[in-house]
Amino acid sequence: MTEHLKVSVLGILSWLKEHQADGYTTVEAIATPFALNQDQMKRNLQWLQGYECVKRGGPQNAAWSITDQGLARLAEGKFSSSGAFLTHFHRTETFTDGDRDRAR
């Protein structure tokens, strides 16, 4: 049995980075390792396109590639444990009991 990759921003961008030497990649080729159909993966890619992390191109503008912005996001490594983007509102530090008492 083939294990499928986890569907997440981190997962998709990482996969695209690994396959960027191939240039633009078809939706089907990207969807297969994630066990998604083409429509599901296309929606994910369109969402990532809104963040300028991927772009369309290739024959008939039907394939996808990671952008410099997508590579920069990977290099920053600002992803949640589930592989989603972290927002600038996300706090990585946690309060200790003493800090909570002082905050009250």
Protein backbone atom coordinates (compact mmCIF):
# COMPACT_ATOMS: atom_id res chain seq x y z
CA MET A 1 0.00 0.00 0.00
CA THR A 2 1.32 3.42 -0.95
CA GLU A 3 1.31 6.01 1.80
CA HIS A 4 -0.07 9.36 0.68
CA LEU A 5 1.36 12.73 1.58
CA LYS A 6 -0.43 14.99 4.05
CA VAL A 7 -2.50 17.67 2.35
CA SER A 8 -1.27 20.97 3.75
CA VAL A 9 0.36 24.18 2.60
CA LEU A 10 3.70 22.88 3.80
CA GLY A 11 3.16 19.52 2.09
CA ILE A 12 2.17 20.96 -1.28
CA LEU A 13 4.90 23.61 -1.34
CA SER A 14 7.53 21.08 -0.27
CA TRP A 15 6.44 18.66 -2.97
CA LEU A 16 6.53 21.40 -5.61
CA LYS A 17 10.00 22.47 -4.47
CA GLU A 18 11.28 18.90 -4.83
CA HIS A 19 9.86 18.74 -8.36
CA GLN A 20 10.67 22.27 -9.53
CA ALA A 21 13.46 21.00 -11.79
CA ASP A 22 10.69 19.54 -13.91
CA GLY A 23 9.37 23.07 -14.55
CA TYR A 24 5.60 23.25 -14.60
CA THR A 25 3.78 20.18 -13.30
CA THR A 26 0.28 19.03 -14.20
CA VAL A 27 -2.49 19.11 -11.62
CA GLU A 28 -2.84 15.35 -11.96
CA ALA A 29 0.84 14.78 -11.14
CA ILE A 30 0.58 17.03 -8.08
CA ALA A 31 -2.72 15.53 -6.89
CA THR A 32 -1.69 11.88 -7.11
CA PRO A 33 0.78 11.72 -4.18
CA PHE A 34 -1.79 13.50 -1.97
CA ALA A 35 -4.64 11.14 -2.98
CA LEU A 36 -6.77 14.04 -4.22
CA ASN A 37 -8.70 14.36 -7.44
CA GLN A 38 -7.72 17.07 -9.90
CA ASP A 39 -10.52 19.45 -8.88
CA GLN A 40 -9.57 19.24 -5.20
CA MET A 41 -5.90 19.92 -5.93
CA LYS A 42 -6.77 22.72 -8.35
CA ARG A 43 -8.71 24.48 -5.56
CA ASN A 44 -5.71 24.14 -3.24
CA LEU A 45 -3.37 25.51 -5.91
CA GLN A 46 -5.70 28.41 -6.69
CA TRP A 47 -5.79 29.28 -2.99
CA LEU A 48 -1.97 29.20 -2.86
CA GLN A 49 -1.89 31.33 -6.01
CA GLY A 50 -3.72 34.03 -4.04
CA TYR A 51 -0.72 34.11 -1.70
CA GLU A 52 1.64 34.21 -4.71
CA CYS A 53 3.21 30.89 -3.69
CA VAL A 54 2.42 29.09 -6.95
CA LYS A 55 1.81 30.13 -10.53
CA ARG A 56 0.13 28.68 -13.59
CA GLY A 57 1.93 28.14 -16.85
CA GLY A 58 3.13 25.47 -19.18
CA PRO A 59 1.17 24.13 -22.13
CA GLN A 60 -2.24 25.79 -22.35
CA ASN A 61 -1.58 27.40 -18.94
CA ALA A 62 -2.71 24.11 -17.38
CA ALA A 63 0.28 23.28 -15.17
CA TRP A 64 1.69 24.73 -11.95
CA SER A 65 5.03 25.70 -10.43
CA ILE A 66 6.26 27.08 -7.12
CA THR A 67 7.22 30.77 -7.10
CA ASP A 68 10.06 32.61 -5.41
CA GLN A 69 7.51 33.68 -2.78
CA GLY A 70 6.61 30.03 -2.19
CA LEU A 71 10.28 29.14 -1.82
CA ALA A 72 10.73 32.05 0.61
CA ARG A 73 7.77 30.84 2.69
CA LEU A 74 9.39 27.39 2.89
CA ALA A 75 12.73 28.90 3.88
CA GLU A 76 11.06 30.94 6.65
CA GLY A 77 9.52 27.75 8.01
CA LYS A 78 6.57 29.56 9.58
CA PHE A 79 4.04 26.74 9.52
CA SER A 80 1.81 25.33 12.22
CA SER A 81 2.16 21.73 13.35
CA SER A 82 -0.59 20.83 10.86
CA GLY A 83 1.34 22.44 8.01
CA ALA A 84 -0.78 25.59 7.66
CA PHE A 85 0.58 29.12 7.34
CA LEU A 86 1.20 30.88 10.64
CA THR A 87 -0.18 34.38 10.75
CA HIS A 88 1.67 37.32 12.24
CA PHE A 89 -0.86 37.12 15.09
CA HIS A 90 0.31 33.64 16.11
CA ARG A 91 2.29 33.60 19.35
CA THR A 92 4.87 30.89 19.74
CA GLU A 93 5.62 31.54 23.39
CA THR A 94 3.37 30.26 26.14
CA PHE A 95 2.53 31.85 29.45
CA THR A 96 3.82 30.36 32.66
CA ASP A 97 1.52 30.29 35.69
CA GLY A 98 3.43 33.25 37.15
CA ASP A 99 2.94 35.28 33.97
CA ARG A 100 -0.82 34.61 34.04
CA ASP A 101 -1.00 35.81 37.65
CA ARG A 102 0.85 39.03 36.80
CA ALA A 103 -1.38 39.60 33.75
CA ARG A 104 -4.49 39.48 35.94
